[in-house]
């Protein structure tokens, strides 16, 4: 299982780039870049709430999508 950010889609719908998003939200460009490329292991509450407020999202899965991989057993805890 991996988590995929929907940030590229959200940004494209607003017509903004990573630099603009960082400037308008106060998030660091590094944080925005990692989320944009889905290169993250965890995401903190401040980042989630900031992005959800900025894009008007009501659910976490509007920002982060869980992608099950072939070898995963859905619902199995590790």
PDB file of N, CA and C in Angstrom:
ATOM      1  N   UNK A   1       0.841  -1.167   0.000  1.00  0.00           N
ATOM      2  CA  UNK A   1       0.000   0.000   0.000  1.00  0.00           C
ATOM      3  C   UNK A   1       0.888   1.232   0.000  1.00  0.00           C
ATOM      4  N   UNK A   2       0.451   2.235  -0.743  1.00  0.00           N
ATOM      5  CA  UNK A   2       1.145   3.502  -0.703  1.00  0.00           C
ATOM      6  C   UNK A   2       0.112   4.620  -0.701  1.00  0.00           C
ATOM      7  N   UNK A   3       0.556   5.774  -0.296  1.00  0.00           N
ATOM      8  CA  UNK A   3      -0.338   6.921  -0.280  1.00  0.00           C
ATOM      9  C   UNK A   3       0.065   7.855  -1.412  1.00  0.00           C
ATOM     10  N   UNK A   4      -0.925   8.302  -2.161  1.00  0.00           N
ATOM     11  CA  UNK A   4      -0.687   9.171  -3.310  1.00  0.00           C
ATOM     12  C   UNK A   4      -1.368  10.514  -3.055  1.00  0.00           C
ATOM     13  N   UNK A   5      -0.602  11.553  -3.231  1.00  0.00           N
ATOM     14  CA  UNK A   5      -1.131  12.898  -3.052  1.00  0.00           C
ATOM     15  C   UNK A   5      -1.935  13.318  -4.275  1.00  0.00           C
ATOM     16  N   UNK A   6      -3.042  13.971  -4.022  1.00  0.00           N
ATOM     17  CA  UNK A   6      -3.844  14.529  -5.110  1.00  0.00           C
ATOM     18  C   UNK A   6      -3.519  16.008  -5.335  1.00  0.00           C
ATOM     19  N   UNK A   7      -2.419  16.447  -4.729  1.00  0.00           N
ATOM     20  CA  UNK A   7      -2.022  17.844  -4.835  1.00  0.00           C
ATOM     21  C   UNK A   7      -1.828  18.322  -6.276  1.00  0.00           C
ATOM     22  N   UNK A   8      -1.182  17.529  -7.148  1.00  0.00           N
ATOM     23  CA  UNK A   8      -1.036  18.005  -8.533  1.00  0.00           C
ATOM     24  C   UNK A   8      -2.378  18.341  -9.201  1.00  0.00           C
ATOM     25  N   UNK A   9      -3.380  17.487  -8.984  1.00  0.00           N
ATOM     26  CA  UNK A   9      -4.708  17.717  -9.570  1.00  0.00           C
ATOM     27  C   UNK A   9      -5.343  18.981  -9.005  1.00  0.00           C
ATOM     28  N   UNK A  10      -5.222  19.137  -7.680  1.00  0.00           N
ATOM     29  CA  UNK A  10      -5.807  20.301  -7.018  1.00  0.00           C
ATOM     30  C   UNK A  10      -5.148  21.593  -7.497  1.00  0.00           C
ATOM     31  N   UNK A  11      -3.836  21.553  -7.616  1.00  0.00           N
ATOM     32  CA  UNK A  11      -3.105  22.735  -8.057  1.00  0.00           C
ATOM     33  C   UNK A  11      -3.442  23.069  -9.512  1.00  0.00           C
ATOM     34  N   UNK A  12      -3.543  22.057 -10.334  1.00  0.00           N
ATOM     35  CA  UNK A  12      -3.868  22.282 -11.744  1.00  0.00           C
ATOM     36  C   UNK A  12      -5.254  22.915 -11.880  1.00  0.00           C
ATOM     37  N   UNK A  13      -6.193  22.466 -11.039  1.00  0.00           N
ATOM     38  CA  UNK A  13      -7.547  23.022 -11.115  1.00  0.00           C
ATOM     39  C   UNK A  13      -7.574  24.495 -10.744  1.00  0.00           C
ATOM     40  N   UNK A  14      -6.613  24.933  -9.943  1.00  0.00           N
ATOM     41  CA  UNK A  14      -6.505  26.347  -9.557  1.00  0.00           C
ATOM     42  C   UNK A  14      -5.539  27.126 -10.452  1.00  0.00           C
ATOM     43  N   UNK A  15      -4.792  26.407 -11.260  1.00  0.00           N
ATOM     44  CA  UNK A  15      -3.830  27.058 -12.138  1.00  0.00           C
ATOM     45  C   UNK A  15      -2.647  27.658 -11.394  1.00  0.00           C
ATOM     46  N   UNK A  16      -2.204  26.960 -10.343  1.00  0.00           N
ATOM     47  CA  UNK A  16      -1.078  27.464  -9.555  1.00  0.00           C
ATOM     48  C   UNK A  16       0.076  26.476  -9.583  1.00  0.00           C
ATOM     49  N   UNK A  17       1.267  26.983  -9.294  1.00  0.00           N
ATOM     50  CA  UNK A  17       2.446  26.126  -9.223  1.00  0.00           C
ATOM     51  C   UNK A  17       2.848  25.942  -7.758  1.00  0.00           C
ATOM     52  N   UNK A  18       3.883  25.137  -7.545  1.00  0.00           N
ATOM     53  CA  UNK A  18       4.323  24.819  -6.187  1.00  0.00           C
ATOM     54  C   UNK A  18       4.762  26.066  -5.423  1.00  0.00           C
ATOM     55  N   UNK A  19       5.477  26.938  -6.095  1.00  0.00           N
ATOM     56  CA  UNK A  19       5.977  28.159  -5.457  1.00  0.00           C
ATOM     57  C   UNK A  19       4.814  29.033  -4.979  1.00  0.00           C
ATOM     58  N   UNK A  20       3.805  29.161  -5.807  1.00  0.00           N
ATOM     59  CA  UNK A  20       2.629  29.959  -5.454  1.00  0.00           C
ATOM     60  C   UNK A  20       1.892  29.343  -4.271  1.00  0.00           C
ATOM     61  N   UNK A  21       1.708  28.024  -4.304  1.00  0.00           N
ATOM     62  CA  UNK A  21       1.021  27.349  -3.205  1.00  0.00           C
ATOM     63  C   UNK A  21       1.771  27.562  -1.893  1.00  0.00           C
ATOM     64  N   UNK A  22       3.071  27.404  -1.914  1.00  0.00           N
ATOM     65  CA  UNK A  22       3.875  27.608  -0.707  1.00  0.00           C
ATOM     66  C   UNK A  22       3.715  29.040  -0.194  1.00  0.00           C
ATOM     67  N   UNK A  23       3.784  30.001  -1.085  1.00  0.00           N
ATOM     68  CA  UNK A  23       3.671  31.407  -0.684  1.00  0.00           C
ATOM     69  C   UNK A  23       2.289  31.735  -0.122  1.00  0.00           C
ATOM     70  N   UNK A  24       1.244  31.188  -0.735  1.00  0.00           N
ATOM     71  CA  UNK A  24      -0.121  31.515  -0.314  1.00  0.00           C
ATOM     72  C   UNK A  24      -0.570  30.772   0.944  1.00  0.00           C
ATOM     73  N   UNK A  25       0.061  29.647   1.247  1.00  0.00           N
ATOM     74  CA  UNK A  25      -0.334  28.873   2.431  1.00  0.00           C
ATOM     75  C   UNK A  25       0.624  29.032   3.603  1.00  0.00           C
ATOM     76  N   UNK A  26       1.839  29.485   3.318  1.00  0.00           N
ATOM     77  CA  UNK A  26       2.840  29.572   4.375  1.00  0.00           C
ATOM     78  C   UNK A  26       3.562  28.258   4.624  1.00  0.00           C
ATOM     79  N   UNK A  27       3.236  27.233   3.834  1.00  0.00           N
ATOM     80  CA  UNK A  27       3.942  25.955   3.946  1.00  0.00           C
ATOM     81  C   UNK A  27       5.303  26.087   3.274  1.00  0.00           C
ATOM     82  N   UNK A  28       6.258  25.302   3.718  1.00  0.00           N
ATOM     83  CA  UNK A  28       7.583  25.401   3.116  1.00  0.00           C
ATOM     84  C   UNK A  28       7.558  24.824   1.699  1.00  0.00           C
ATOM     85  N   UNK A  29       8.366  25.380   0.816  1.00  0.00           N
ATOM     86  CA  UNK A  29       8.451  24.838  -0.546  1.00  0.00           C
ATOM     87  C   UNK A  29       8.862  23.367  -0.552  1.00  0.00           C
ATOM     88  N   UNK A  30       9.687  22.965   0.405  1.00  0.00           N
ATOM     89  CA  UNK A  30      10.102  21.561   0.504  1.00  0.00           C
ATOM     90  C   UNK A  30       8.906  20.669   0.804  1.00  0.00           C
ATOM     91  N   UNK A  31       8.074  21.082   1.749  1.00  0.00           N
ATOM     92  CA  UNK A  31       6.871  20.309   2.105  1.00  0.00           C
ATOM     93  C   UNK A  31       5.943  20.196   0.905  1.00  0.00           C
ATOM     94  N   UNK A  32       5.704  21.304   0.238  1.00  0.00           N
ATOM     95  CA  UNK A  32       4.826  21.303  -0.936  1.00  0.00           C
ATOM     96  C   UNK A  32       5.403  20.393  -2.020  1.00  0.00           C
ATOM     97  N   UNK A  33       6.699  20.478  -2.261  1.00  0.00           N
ATOM     98  CA  UNK A  33       7.340  19.658  -3.288  1.00  0.00           C
ATOM     99  C   UNK A  33       7.249  18.172  -2.998  1.00  0.00           C
ATOM    100  N   UNK A  34       7.473  17.793  -1.736  1.00  0.00           N
ATOM    101  CA  UNK A  34       7.386  16.372  -1.378  1.00  0.00           C
ATOM    102  C   UNK A  34       5.966  15.853  -1.546  1.00  0.00           C
ATOM    103  N   UNK A  35       4.987  16.628  -1.114  1.00  0.00           N
ATOM    104  CA  UNK A  35       3.599  16.205  -1.277  1.00  0.00           C
ATOM    105  C   UNK A  35       3.204  16.151  -2.751  1.00  0.00           C
ATOM    106  N   UNK A  36       3.670  17.101  -3.517  1.00  0.00           N
ATOM    107  CA  UNK A  36       3.372  17.135  -4.953  1.00  0.00           C
ATOM    108  C   UNK A  36       3.848  15.851  -5.637  1.00  0.00           C
ATOM    109  N   UNK A  37       5.029  15.377  -5.240  1.00  0.00           N
ATOM    110  CA  UNK A  37       5.603  14.165  -5.844  1.00  0.00           C
ATOM    111  C   UNK A  37       5.229  12.889  -5.082  1.00  0.00           C
ATOM    112  N   UNK A  38       4.399  13.011  -4.059  1.00  0.00           N
ATOM    113  CA  UNK A  38       4.014  11.868  -3.202  1.00  0.00           C
ATOM    114  C   UNK A  38       5.232  11.207  -2.568  1.00  0.00           C
ATOM    115  N   UNK A  39       6.218  11.993  -2.213  1.00  0.00           N
ATOM    116  CA  UNK A  39       7.428  11.505  -1.543  1.00  0.00           C
ATOM    117  C   UNK A  39       7.366  11.872  -0.069  1.00  0.00           C
ATOM    118  N   UNK A  40       6.476  11.203   0.659  1.00  0.00           N
ATOM    119  CA  UNK A  40       6.346  11.472   2.084  1.00  0.00           C
ATOM    120  C   UNK A  40       6.005  10.182   2.818  1.00  0.00           C
ATOM    121  N   UNK A  41       6.453  10.104   4.062  1.00  0.00           N
ATOM    122  CA  UNK A  41       6.132   8.960   4.915  1.00  0.00           C
ATOM    123  C   UNK A  41       5.007   9.294   5.881  1.00  0.00           C
ATOM    124  N   UNK A  42       4.913  10.585   6.207  1.00  0.00           N
ATOM    125  CA  UNK A  42       3.863  11.046   7.111  1.00  0.00           C
ATOM    126  C   UNK A  42       3.550  12.492   6.756  1.00  0.00           C
ATOM    127  N   UNK A  43       2.392  12.925   7.210  1.00  0.00           N
ATOM    128  CA  UNK A  43       1.976  14.300   6.965  1.00  0.00           C
ATOM    129  C   UNK A  43       1.368  14.815   8.265  1.00  0.00           C
ATOM    130  N   UNK A  44       1.784  16.000   8.686  1.00  0.00           N
ATOM    131  CA  UNK A  44       1.307  16.470   9.983  1.00  0.00           C
ATOM    132  C   UNK A  44      -0.032  17.196   9.874  1.00  0.00           C
ATOM    133  N   UNK A  45      -0.654  17.347  11.018  1.00  0.00           N
ATOM    134  CA  UNK A  45      -1.986  17.930  11.114  1.00  0.00           C
ATOM    135  C   UNK A  45      -2.026  19.353  10.543  1.00  0.00           C
ATOM    136  N   UNK A  46      -1.028  20.149  10.836  1.00  0.00           N
ATOM    137  CA  UNK A  46      -0.989  21.531  10.348  1.00  0.00           C
ATOM    138  C   UNK A  46      -0.998  21.566   8.816  1.00  0.00           C
ATOM    139  N   UNK A  47      -0.205  20.716   8.197  1.00  0.00           N
ATOM    140  CA  UNK A  47      -0.144  20.672   6.734  1.00  0.00           C
ATOM    141  C   UNK A  47      -1.480  20.247   6.143  1.00  0.00           C
ATOM    142  N   UNK A  48      -2.077  19.208   6.720  1.00  0.00           N
ATOM    143  CA  UNK A  48      -3.377  18.717   6.235  1.00  0.00           C
ATOM    144  C   UNK A  48      -4.443  19.794   6.368  1.00  0.00           C
ATOM    145  N   UNK A  49      -4.549  20.387   7.541  1.00  0.00           N
ATOM    146  CA  UNK A  49      -5.602  21.388   7.741  1.00  0.00           C
ATOM    147  C   UNK A  49      -5.373  22.624   6.866  1.00  0.00           C
ATOM    148  N   UNK A  50      -4.124  23.031   6.709  1.00  0.00           N
ATOM    149  CA  UNK A  50      -3.823  24.185   5.860  1.00  0.00           C
ATOM    150  C   UNK A  50      -4.247  23.921   4.420  1.00  0.00           C
ATOM    151  N   UNK A  51      -3.890  22.753   3.887  1.00  0.00           N
ATOM    152  CA  UNK A  51      -4.239  22.428   2.498  1.00  0.00           C
ATOM    153  C   UNK A  51      -5.737  22.222   2.322  1.00  0.00           C
ATOM    154  N   UNK A  52      -6.373  21.572   3.285  1.00  0.00           N
ATOM    155  CA  UNK A  52      -7.822  21.368   3.191  1.00  0.00           C
ATOM    156  C   UNK A  52      -8.565  22.699   3.212  1.00  0.00           C
ATOM    157  N   UNK A  53      -8.138  23.624   4.079  1.00  0.00           N
ATOM    158  CA  UNK A  53      -8.772  24.949   4.109  1.00  0.00           C
ATOM    159  C   UNK A  53      -8.528  25.692   2.796  1.00  0.00           C
ATOM    160  N   UNK A  54      -7.312  25.652   2.316  1.00  0.00           N
ATOM    161  CA  UNK A  54      -6.952  26.375   1.096  1.00  0.00           C
ATOM    162  C   UNK A  54      -7.768  25.903  -0.108  1.00  0.00           C
ATOM    163  N   UNK A  55      -7.913  24.585  -0.243  1.00  0.00           N
ATOM    164  CA  UNK A  55      -8.626  24.034  -1.397  1.00  0.00           C
ATOM    165  C   UNK A  55     -10.110  23.785  -1.124  1.00  0.00           C
ATOM    166  N   UNK A  56     -10.568  24.042   0.108  1.00  0.00           N
ATOM    167  CA  UNK A  56     -11.976  23.836   0.448  1.00  0.00           C
ATOM    168  C   UNK A  56     -12.373  22.371   0.505  1.00  0.00           C
ATOM    169  N   UNK A  57     -11.453  21.522   0.979  1.00  0.00           N
ATOM    170  CA  UNK A  57     -11.705  20.081   1.031  1.00  0.00           C
ATOM    171  C   UNK A  57     -12.414  19.711   2.330  1.00  0.00           C
ATOM    172  N   UNK A  58     -13.324  18.765   2.250  1.00  0.00           N
ATOM    173  CA  UNK A  58     -14.082  18.315   3.428  1.00  0.00           C
ATOM    174  C   UNK A  58     -13.620  16.957   3.943  1.00  0.00           C
ATOM    175  N   UNK A  59     -12.912  16.187   3.087  1.00  0.00           N
ATOM    176  CA  UNK A  59     -12.480  14.840   3.468  1.00  0.00           C
ATOM    177  C   UNK A  59     -10.993  14.675   3.167  1.00  0.00           C
ATOM    178  N   UNK A  60     -10.331  13.917   4.000  1.00  0.00           N
ATOM    179  CA  UNK A  60      -8.903  13.678   3.823  1.00  0.00           C
ATOM    180  C   UNK A  60      -8.610  12.975   2.503  1.00  0.00           C
ATOM    181  N   UNK A  61      -9.506  12.093   2.077  1.00  0.00           N
ATOM    182  CA  UNK A  61      -9.236  11.379   0.829  1.00  0.00           C
ATOM    183  C   UNK A  61      -9.394  12.274  -0.414  1.00  0.00           C
ATOM    184  N   UNK A  62      -9.812  13.506  -0.222  1.00  0.00           N
ATOM    185  CA  UNK A  62      -9.772  14.473  -1.319  1.00  0.00           C
ATOM    186  C   UNK A  62      -8.354  15.001  -1.509  1.00  0.00           C
ATOM    187  N   UNK A  63      -7.501  14.788  -0.503  1.00  0.00           N
ATOM    188  CA  UNK A  63      -6.110  15.245  -0.550  1.00  0.00           C
ATOM    189  C   UNK A  63      -5.123  14.089  -0.714  1.00  0.00           C
ATOM    190  N   UNK A  64      -5.372  12.997   0.012  1.00  0.00           N
ATOM    191  CA  UNK A  64      -4.479  11.834   0.008  1.00  0.00           C
ATOM    192  C   UNK A  64      -5.281  10.586  -0.344  1.00  0.00           C
ATOM    193  N   UNK A  65      -4.796   9.837  -1.305  1.00  0.00           N
ATOM    194  CA  UNK A  65      -5.466   8.610  -1.752  1.00  0.00           C
ATOM    195  C   UNK A  65      -4.616   7.399  -1.372  1.00  0.00           C
ATOM    196  N   UNK A  66      -5.262   6.365  -0.846  1.00  0.00           N
ATOM    197  CA  UNK A  66      -4.556   5.109  -0.565  1.00  0.00           C
ATOM    198  C   UNK A  66      -4.618   4.247  -1.820  1.00  0.00           C
ATOM    199  N   UNK A  67      -3.456   3.790  -2.260  1.00  0.00           N
ATOM    200  CA  UNK A  67      -3.366   2.943  -3.452  1.00  0.00           C
ATOM    201  C   UNK A  67      -2.882   1.571  -3.008  1.00  0.00           C
ATOM    202  N   UNK A  68      -3.748   0.588  -3.158  1.00  0.00           N
ATOM    203  CA  UNK A  68      -3.384  -0.788  -2.809  1.00  0.00           C
ATOM    204  C   UNK A  68      -2.549  -1.374  -3.931  1.00  0.00           C
ATOM    205  N   UNK A  69      -1.484  -2.037  -3.554  1.00  0.00           N
ATOM    206  CA  UNK A  69      -0.612  -2.667  -4.530  1.00  0.00           C
ATOM    207  C   UNK A  69      -0.932  -4.157  -4.610  1.00  0.00           C
ATOM    208  N   UNK A  70      -0.447  -4.785  -5.643  1.00  0.00           N
ATOM    209  CA  UNK A  70      -0.766  -6.180  -5.945  1.00  0.00           C
ATOM    210  C   UNK A  70      -0.537  -7.125  -4.759  1.00  0.00           C
ATOM    211  N   UNK A  71       0.549  -6.944  -4.049  1.00  0.00           N
ATOM    212  CA  UNK A  71       0.892  -7.862  -2.958  1.00  0.00           C
ATOM    213  C   UNK A  71       0.238  -7.519  -1.626  1.00  0.00           C
ATOM    214  N   UNK A  72      -0.518  -6.439  -1.574  1.00  0.00           N
ATOM    215  CA  UNK A  72      -1.184  -6.039  -0.331  1.00  0.00           C
ATOM    216  C   UNK A  72      -2.439  -6.866  -0.116  1.00  0.00           C
ATOM    217  N   UNK A  73      -2.724  -7.088   1.123  1.00  0.00           N
ATOM    218  CA  UNK A  73      -4.002  -7.712   1.490  1.00  0.00           C
ATOM    219  C   UNK A  73      -4.805  -6.606   2.140  1.00  0.00           C
ATOM    220  N   UNK A  74      -5.822  -6.161   1.450  1.00  0.00           N
ATOM    221  CA  UNK A  74      -6.603  -5.029   1.920  1.00  0.00           C
ATOM    222  C   UNK A  74      -7.156  -5.289   3.319  1.00  0.00           C
ATOM    223  N   UNK A  75      -6.934  -4.344   4.187  1.00  0.00           N
ATOM    224  CA  UNK A  75      -7.463  -4.428   5.542  1.00  0.00           C
ATOM    225  C   UNK A  75      -6.590  -5.194   6.516  1.00  0.00           C
ATOM    226  N   UNK A  76      -5.561  -5.870   6.052  1.00  0.00           N
ATOM    227  CA  UNK A  76      -4.695  -6.633   6.941  1.00  0.00           C
ATOM    228  C   UNK A  76      -3.745  -5.687   7.658  1.00  0.00           C
ATOM    229  N   UNK A  77      -3.682  -5.795   8.968  1.00  0.00           N
ATOM    230  CA  UNK A  77      -2.779  -4.949   9.746  1.00  0.00           C
ATOM    231  C   UNK A  77      -1.429  -5.599   9.850  1.00  0.00           C
ATOM    232  N   UNK A  78      -0.387  -4.767   9.810  1.00  0.00           N
ATOM    233  CA  UNK A  78       0.972  -5.254   9.931  1.00  0.00           C
ATOM    234  C   UNK A  78       1.550  -4.959  11.278  1.00  0.00           C
TER     235      UNK A  78
END
